[in-house]
Amino acid sequence: MSQLKLQVMMIAATIALFIATLALNELLFTRLEFSSGINWIYLPAGVRLLCTLLFGGAGAIGLLLVSWAVCFLYFFPDDMIRSFIGGILASAAPYMVYLIMQRHWGLMASLQNLTPRRLLLCSFAFALASPLLHHLWFAFAEPERPFSGFFVMATGDFVGTLLVLYTAKFVLSRLPARVQR
């Protein structure tokens, strides 16, 4: 398979997984929404980190595209700037965490060398990085409520990330070694 075709498939998989978890999150956790895009449990946050860990740059590109689509069409259709910036921030945070973890741990695509402790640390770092980037933007764009919702977003991203990553770790550990390469 050509490298370009593989990259396109990883981007498409990222988009599909994100949309699927967003729909699942809306189905299961709508009542836990603090405000638009901020939930006490947010499964798409886990997909953001998972797809970036698995697919690297292709995952980040897929996240950027799907985040823009979701922001522009669903969360903030009347706020073009917030949608544009939100998509960038939603894809930048997991990619930054990925680059840091790649440097320190030499991540494998199968996540095989991510121990439960490392997954926890990775999830925690992401659950702080994403809300921090978003709320720094909110503090600039909406100074009257600079960090409103930070704790909720961090909690929701952390719980959603743990649920998705540990599920993925379990599923990947059950695949034959040949498929994991």
C-alpha atoms as a PDB file:
ATOM      1  CA  MET A   1       0.000   0.000   0.000  1.00  0.00           C
ATOM      2  CA  SER A   2       1.353   3.415  -0.877  1.00  0.00           C
ATOM      3  CA  GLN A   3       2.295   5.802   1.911  1.00  0.00           C
ATOM      4  CA  LEU A   4      -0.236   8.383   0.686  1.00  0.00           C
ATOM      5  CA  LYS A   5      -3.070   5.864   0.673  1.00  0.00           C
ATOM      6  CA  LEU A   6      -2.138   4.759   4.199  1.00  0.00           C
ATOM      7  CA  GLN A   7      -2.106   8.378   5.419  1.00  0.00           C
ATOM      8  CA  VAL A   8      -5.534   9.027   3.856  1.00  0.00           C
ATOM      9  CA  MET A   9      -6.904   5.880   5.503  1.00  0.00           C
ATOM     10  CA  MET A  10      -5.576   6.998   8.906  1.00  0.00           C
ATOM     11  CA  ILE A  11      -7.143  10.445   8.445  1.00  0.00           C
ATOM     12  CA  ALA A  12     -10.460   8.832   7.471  1.00  0.00           C
ATOM     13  CA  ALA A  13     -10.305   6.434  10.448  1.00  0.00           C
ATOM     14  CA  THR A  14      -9.687   9.374  12.780  1.00  0.00           C
ATOM     15  CA  ILE A  15     -12.671  11.254  11.388  1.00  0.00           C
ATOM     16  CA  ALA A  16     -14.932   8.190  11.623  1.00  0.00           C
ATOM     17  CA  LEU A  17     -13.862   7.358  15.201  1.00  0.00           C
ATOM     18  CA  PHE A  18     -14.312  10.940  16.327  1.00  0.00           C
ATOM     19  CA  ILE A  19     -17.800  11.217  14.833  1.00  0.00           C
ATOM     20  CA  ALA A  20     -18.780   7.833  16.291  1.00  0.00           C
ATOM     21  CA  THR A  21     -17.646   8.773  19.798  1.00  0.00           C
ATOM     22  CA  LEU A  22     -19.241  12.201  19.528  1.00  0.00           C
ATOM     23  CA  ALA A  23     -22.547  10.530  18.652  1.00  0.00           C
ATOM     24  CA  LEU A  24     -22.088   8.035  21.501  1.00  0.00           C
ATOM     25  CA  ASN A  25     -21.229  10.853  23.889  1.00  0.00           C
ATOM     26  CA  GLU A  26     -24.340  12.775  22.823  1.00  0.00           C
ATOM     27  CA  LEU A  27     -26.428   9.645  23.316  1.00  0.00           C
ATOM     28  CA  LEU A  28     -25.060   8.686  26.733  1.00  0.00           C
ATOM     29  CA  PHE A  29     -23.852  11.883  28.368  1.00  0.00           C
ATOM     30  CA  THR A  30     -25.933  14.808  27.083  1.00  0.00           C
ATOM     31  CA  ARG A  31     -27.259  15.469  30.590  1.00  0.00           C
ATOM     32  CA  LEU A  32     -23.676  15.904  31.811  1.00  0.00           C
ATOM     33  CA  GLU A  33     -23.018  18.861  29.506  1.00  0.00           C
ATOM     34  CA  PHE A  34     -21.735  21.976  31.267  1.00  0.00           C
ATOM     35  CA  SER A  35     -21.824  24.125  28.131  1.00  0.00           C
ATOM     36  CA  SER A  36     -21.547  23.543  24.394  1.00  0.00           C
ATOM     37  CA  GLY A  37     -18.472  21.352  23.854  1.00  0.00           C
ATOM     38  CA  ILE A  38     -17.698  21.009  27.577  1.00  0.00           C
ATOM     39  CA  ASN A  39     -18.894  17.828  29.285  1.00  0.00           C
ATOM     40  CA  TRP A  40     -18.190  16.034  32.553  1.00  0.00           C
ATOM     41  CA  ILE A  41     -17.454  12.956  30.401  1.00  0.00           C
ATOM     42  CA  TYR A  42     -16.209  13.609  26.868  1.00  0.00           C
ATOM     43  CA  LEU A  43     -15.330  10.489  24.886  1.00  0.00           C
ATOM     44  CA  PRO A  44     -14.141  12.398  21.769  1.00  0.00           C
ATOM     45  CA  ALA A  45     -11.235  13.714  23.866  1.00  0.00           C
ATOM     46  CA  GLY A  46     -10.023  10.147  24.172  1.00  0.00           C
ATOM     47  CA  VAL A  47     -10.232   9.691  20.421  1.00  0.00           C
ATOM     48  CA  ARG A  48      -8.200  12.859  19.958  1.00  0.00           C
ATOM     49  CA  LEU A  49      -5.348  11.417  21.970  1.00  0.00           C
ATOM     50  CA  LEU A  50      -5.750   7.831  20.743  1.00  0.00           C
ATOM     51  CA  CYS A  51      -5.698   8.705  17.056  1.00  0.00           C
ATOM     52  CA  THR A  52      -2.731  10.981  17.552  1.00  0.00           C
ATOM     53  CA  LEU A  53      -0.859   8.260  19.458  1.00  0.00           C
ATOM     54  CA  LEU A  54      -1.700   5.654  16.808  1.00  0.00           C
ATOM     55  CA  PHE A  55      -1.418   7.734  13.639  1.00  0.00           C
ATOM     56  CA  GLY A  56       0.837  10.685  14.543  1.00  0.00           C
ATOM     57  CA  GLY A  57       0.555  13.550  12.072  1.00  0.00           C
ATOM     58  CA  ALA A  58      -2.176  11.847  10.044  1.00  0.00           C
ATOM     59  CA  GLY A  59      -4.272  11.613  13.221  1.00  0.00           C
ATOM     60  CA  ALA A  60      -3.687  15.295  13.928  1.00  0.00           C
ATOM     61  CA  ILE A  61      -4.770  16.225  10.386  1.00  0.00           C
ATOM     62  CA  GLY A  62      -7.887  14.071  10.698  1.00  0.00           C
ATOM     63  CA  LEU A  63      -8.662  15.730  14.030  1.00  0.00           C
ATOM     64  CA  LEU A  64      -8.217  19.182  12.573  1.00  0.00           C
ATOM     65  CA  LEU A  65     -10.617  18.418   9.714  1.00  0.00           C
ATOM     66  CA  VAL A  66     -13.278  16.756  11.862  1.00  0.00           C
ATOM     67  CA  SER A  67     -12.942  19.358  14.621  1.00  0.00           C
ATOM     68  CA  TRP A  68     -13.502  22.133  12.121  1.00  0.00           C
ATOM     69  CA  ALA A  69     -16.519  20.309  10.695  1.00  0.00           C
ATOM     70  CA  VAL A  70     -18.022  19.709  14.142  1.00  0.00           C
ATOM     71  CA  CYS A  71     -17.329  23.244  15.356  1.00  0.00           C
ATOM     72  CA  PHE A  72     -18.574  24.982  12.198  1.00  0.00           C
ATOM     73  CA  LEU A  73     -21.619  22.762  11.663  1.00  0.00           C
ATOM     74  CA  TYR A  74     -22.663  21.655  15.150  1.00  0.00           C
ATOM     75  CA  PHE A  75     -21.210  23.397  18.212  1.00  0.00           C
ATOM     76  CA  PHE A  76     -20.690  26.996  17.040  1.00  0.00           C
ATOM     77  CA  PRO A  77     -22.265  27.511  13.606  1.00  0.00           C
ATOM     78  CA  ASP A  78     -22.722  31.228  14.264  1.00  0.00           C
ATOM     79  CA  ASP A  79     -19.189  31.877  15.503  1.00  0.00           C
ATOM     80  CA  MET A  80     -16.669  31.440  12.683  1.00  0.00           C
ATOM     81  CA  ILE A  81     -13.651  32.583  14.691  1.00  0.00           C
ATOM     82  CA  ARG A  82     -14.387  30.313  17.657  1.00  0.00           C
ATOM     83  CA  SER A  83     -14.962  27.398  15.283  1.00  0.00           C
ATOM     84  CA  PHE A  84     -11.735  28.026  13.391  1.00  0.00           C
ATOM     85  CA  ILE A  85      -9.593  28.469  16.510  1.00  0.00           C
ATOM     86  CA  GLY A  86     -11.393  25.650  18.336  1.00  0.00           C
ATOM     87  CA  GLY A  87     -10.539  23.175  15.592  1.00  0.00           C
ATOM     88  CA  ILE A  88      -6.893  24.143  15.704  1.00  0.00           C
ATOM     89  CA  LEU A  89      -6.703  23.905  19.497  1.00  0.00           C
ATOM     90  CA  ALA A  90      -8.561  20.577  19.559  1.00  0.00           C
ATOM     91  CA  SER A  91      -5.951  19.040  17.262  1.00  0.00           C
ATOM     92  CA  ALA A  92      -2.874  20.872  18.593  1.00  0.00           C
ATOM     93  CA  ALA A  93      -3.188  19.720  22.218  1.00  0.00           C
ATOM     94  CA  PRO A  94      -3.094  15.958  21.559  1.00  0.00           C
ATOM     95  CA  TYR A  95      -0.352  16.385  18.971  1.00  0.00           C
ATOM     96  CA  MET A  96       1.805  18.308  21.455  1.00  0.00           C
ATOM     97  CA  VAL A  97       1.305  15.570  24.070  1.00  0.00           C
ATOM     98  CA  TYR A  98       2.096  12.954  21.408  1.00  0.00           C
ATOM     99  CA  LEU A  99       5.374  14.692  20.517  1.00  0.00           C
ATOM    100  CA  ILE A 100       6.389  14.893  24.173  1.00  0.00           C
ATOM    101  CA  MET A 101       5.527  11.232  24.803  1.00  0.00           C
ATOM    102  CA  GLN A 102       7.240  10.174  21.575  1.00  0.00           C
ATOM    103  CA  ARG A 103      10.409  11.919  22.665  1.00  0.00           C
ATOM    104  CA  HIS A 104      10.408  10.471  26.183  1.00  0.00           C
ATOM    105  CA  TRP A 105       9.064   6.965  25.586  1.00  0.00           C
ATOM    106  CA  GLY A 106       9.546   6.164  21.887  1.00  0.00           C
ATOM    107  CA  LEU A 107       5.893   5.261  21.376  1.00  0.00           C
ATOM    108  CA  MET A 108       4.933   2.251  19.270  1.00  0.00           C
ATOM    109  CA  ALA A 109       1.843   2.354  17.031  1.00  0.00           C
ATOM    110  CA  SER A 110       0.372  -0.596  18.942  1.00  0.00           C
ATOM    111  CA  LEU A 111       0.696   1.354  22.217  1.00  0.00           C
ATOM    112  CA  GLN A 112       2.453  -1.793  23.468  1.00  0.00           C
ATOM    113  CA  ASN A 113       5.106   0.112  25.413  1.00  0.00           C
ATOM    114  CA  LEU A 114       2.540   2.302  27.149  1.00  0.00           C
ATOM    115  CA  THR A 115       2.121   0.746  30.553  1.00  0.00           C
ATOM    116  CA  PRO A 116      -1.041   1.470  32.521  1.00  0.00           C
ATOM    117  CA  ARG A 117       0.944   4.088  34.486  1.00  0.00           C
ATOM    118  CA  ARG A 118       2.204   5.753  31.301  1.00  0.00           C
ATOM    119  CA  LEU A 119      -1.309   5.766  29.845  1.00  0.00           C
ATOM    120  CA  LEU A 120      -2.521   7.448  33.012  1.00  0.00           C
ATOM    121  CA  LEU A 121       0.215  10.089  32.826  1.00  0.00           C
ATOM    122  CA  CYS A 122      -0.415  10.628  29.114  1.00  0.00           C
ATOM    123  CA  SER A 123      -4.150  11.003  29.744  1.00  0.00           C
ATOM    124  CA  PHE A 124      -3.555  13.436  32.580  1.00  0.00           C
ATOM    125  CA  ALA A 125      -1.133  15.548  30.508  1.00  0.00           C
ATOM    126  CA  PHE A 126      -3.616  15.712  27.649  1.00  0.00           C
ATOM    127  CA  ALA A 127      -6.554  16.423  29.982  1.00  0.00           C
ATOM    128  CA  LEU A 128      -4.680  19.485  31.217  1.00  0.00           C
ATOM    129  CA  ALA A 129      -3.172  20.602  27.891  1.00  0.00           C
ATOM    130  CA  SER A 130      -6.402  20.665  25.910  1.00  0.00           C
ATOM    131  CA  PRO A 131      -8.502  22.705  28.362  1.00  0.00           C
ATOM    132  CA  LEU A 132      -5.537  24.975  29.043  1.00  0.00           C
ATOM    133  CA  LEU A 133      -5.142  25.836  25.351  1.00  0.00           C
ATOM    134  CA  HIS A 134      -8.891  26.319  24.951  1.00  0.00           C
ATOM    135  CA  HIS A 135      -9.248  28.454  28.058  1.00  0.00           C
ATOM    136  CA  LEU A 136      -6.262  30.607  27.198  1.00  0.00           C
ATOM    137  CA  TRP A 137      -8.120  31.382  23.978  1.00  0.00           C
ATOM    138  CA  PHE A 138     -11.353  31.984  25.900  1.00  0.00           C
ATOM    139  CA  ALA A 139      -9.490  34.350  28.259  1.00  0.00           C
ATOM    140  CA  PHE A 140      -8.340  36.331  25.233  1.00  0.00           C
ATOM    141  CA  ALA A 141     -11.643  36.225  23.321  1.00  0.00           C
ATOM    142  CA  GLU A 142     -14.053  36.406  26.271  1.00  0.00           C
ATOM    143  CA  PRO A 143     -12.175  38.123  29.114  1.00  0.00           C
ATOM    144  CA  GLU A 144     -15.290  38.443  31.269  1.00  0.00           C
ATOM    145  CA  ARG A 145     -15.204  34.672  32.008  1.00  0.00           C
ATOM    146  CA  PRO A 146     -11.606  33.599  31.461  1.00  0.00           C
ATOM    147  CA  PHE A 147     -11.460  30.116  33.018  1.00  0.00           C
ATOM    148  CA  SER A 148     -15.126  29.276  33.481  1.00  0.00           C
ATOM    149  CA  GLY A 149     -15.520  25.569  32.816  1.00  0.00           C
ATOM    150  CA  PHE A 150     -11.806  24.696  32.956  1.00  0.00           C
ATOM    151  CA  PHE A 151     -12.233  22.144  35.747  1.00  0.00           C
ATOM    152  CA  VAL A 152     -15.239  20.547  34.040  1.00  0.00           C
ATOM    153  CA  MET A 153     -13.449  20.357  30.684  1.00  0.00           C
ATOM    154  CA  ALA A 154     -10.302  18.894  32.274  1.00  0.00           C
ATOM    155  CA  THR A 155     -12.362  16.331  34.189  1.00  0.00           C
ATOM    156  CA  GLY A 156     -14.441  15.388  31.146  1.00  0.00           C
ATOM    157  CA  ASP A 157     -11.372  15.103  28.920  1.00  0.00           C
ATOM    158  CA  PHE A 158      -9.575  12.997  31.536  1.00  0.00           C
ATOM    159  CA  VAL A 159     -12.462  10.585  32.110  1.00  0.00           C
ATOM    160  CA  GLY A 160     -13.251  10.320  28.383  1.00  0.00           C
ATOM    161  CA  THR A 161      -9.588   9.801  27.556  1.00  0.00           C
ATOM    162  CA  LEU A 162      -9.180   7.082  30.165  1.00  0.00           C
ATOM    163  CA  LEU A 163     -12.262   5.258  28.942  1.00  0.00           C
ATOM    164  CA  VAL A 164     -11.157   5.375  25.298  1.00  0.00           C
ATOM    165  CA  LEU A 165      -7.435   4.678  25.835  1.00  0.00           C
ATOM    166  CA  TYR A 166      -7.870   1.782  28.220  1.00  0.00           C
ATOM    167  CA  THR A 167     -10.506   0.286  25.933  1.00  0.00           C
ATOM    168  CA  ALA A 168      -8.128   0.646  22.977  1.00  0.00           C
ATOM    169  CA  LYS A 169      -5.229  -0.794  25.002  1.00  0.00           C
ATOM    170  CA  PHE A 170      -7.384  -3.799  25.906  1.00  0.00           C
ATOM    171  CA  VAL A 171      -8.532  -4.329  22.298  1.00  0.00           C
ATOM    172  CA  LEU A 172      -5.010  -3.951  20.886  1.00  0.00           C
ATOM    173  CA  SER A 173      -3.619  -6.378  23.461  1.00  0.00           C
ATOM    174  CA  ARG A 174      -6.064  -9.001  22.197  1.00  0.00           C
ATOM    175  CA  LEU A 175      -5.032  -8.683  18.541  1.00  0.00           C
ATOM    176  CA  PRO A 176      -2.544 -11.161  17.128  1.00  0.00           C
ATOM    177  CA  ALA A 177       1.032  -9.835  17.145  1.00  0.00           C
ATOM    178  CA  ARG A 178       1.090  -9.802  13.346  1.00  0.00           C
ATOM    179  CA  VAL A 179      -1.787  -7.287  13.152  1.00  0.00           C
ATOM    180  CA  GLN A 180      -0.148  -4.947  15.694  1.00  0.00           C
ATOM    181  CA  ARG A 181       2.905  -4.145  13.568  1.00  0.00           C
END
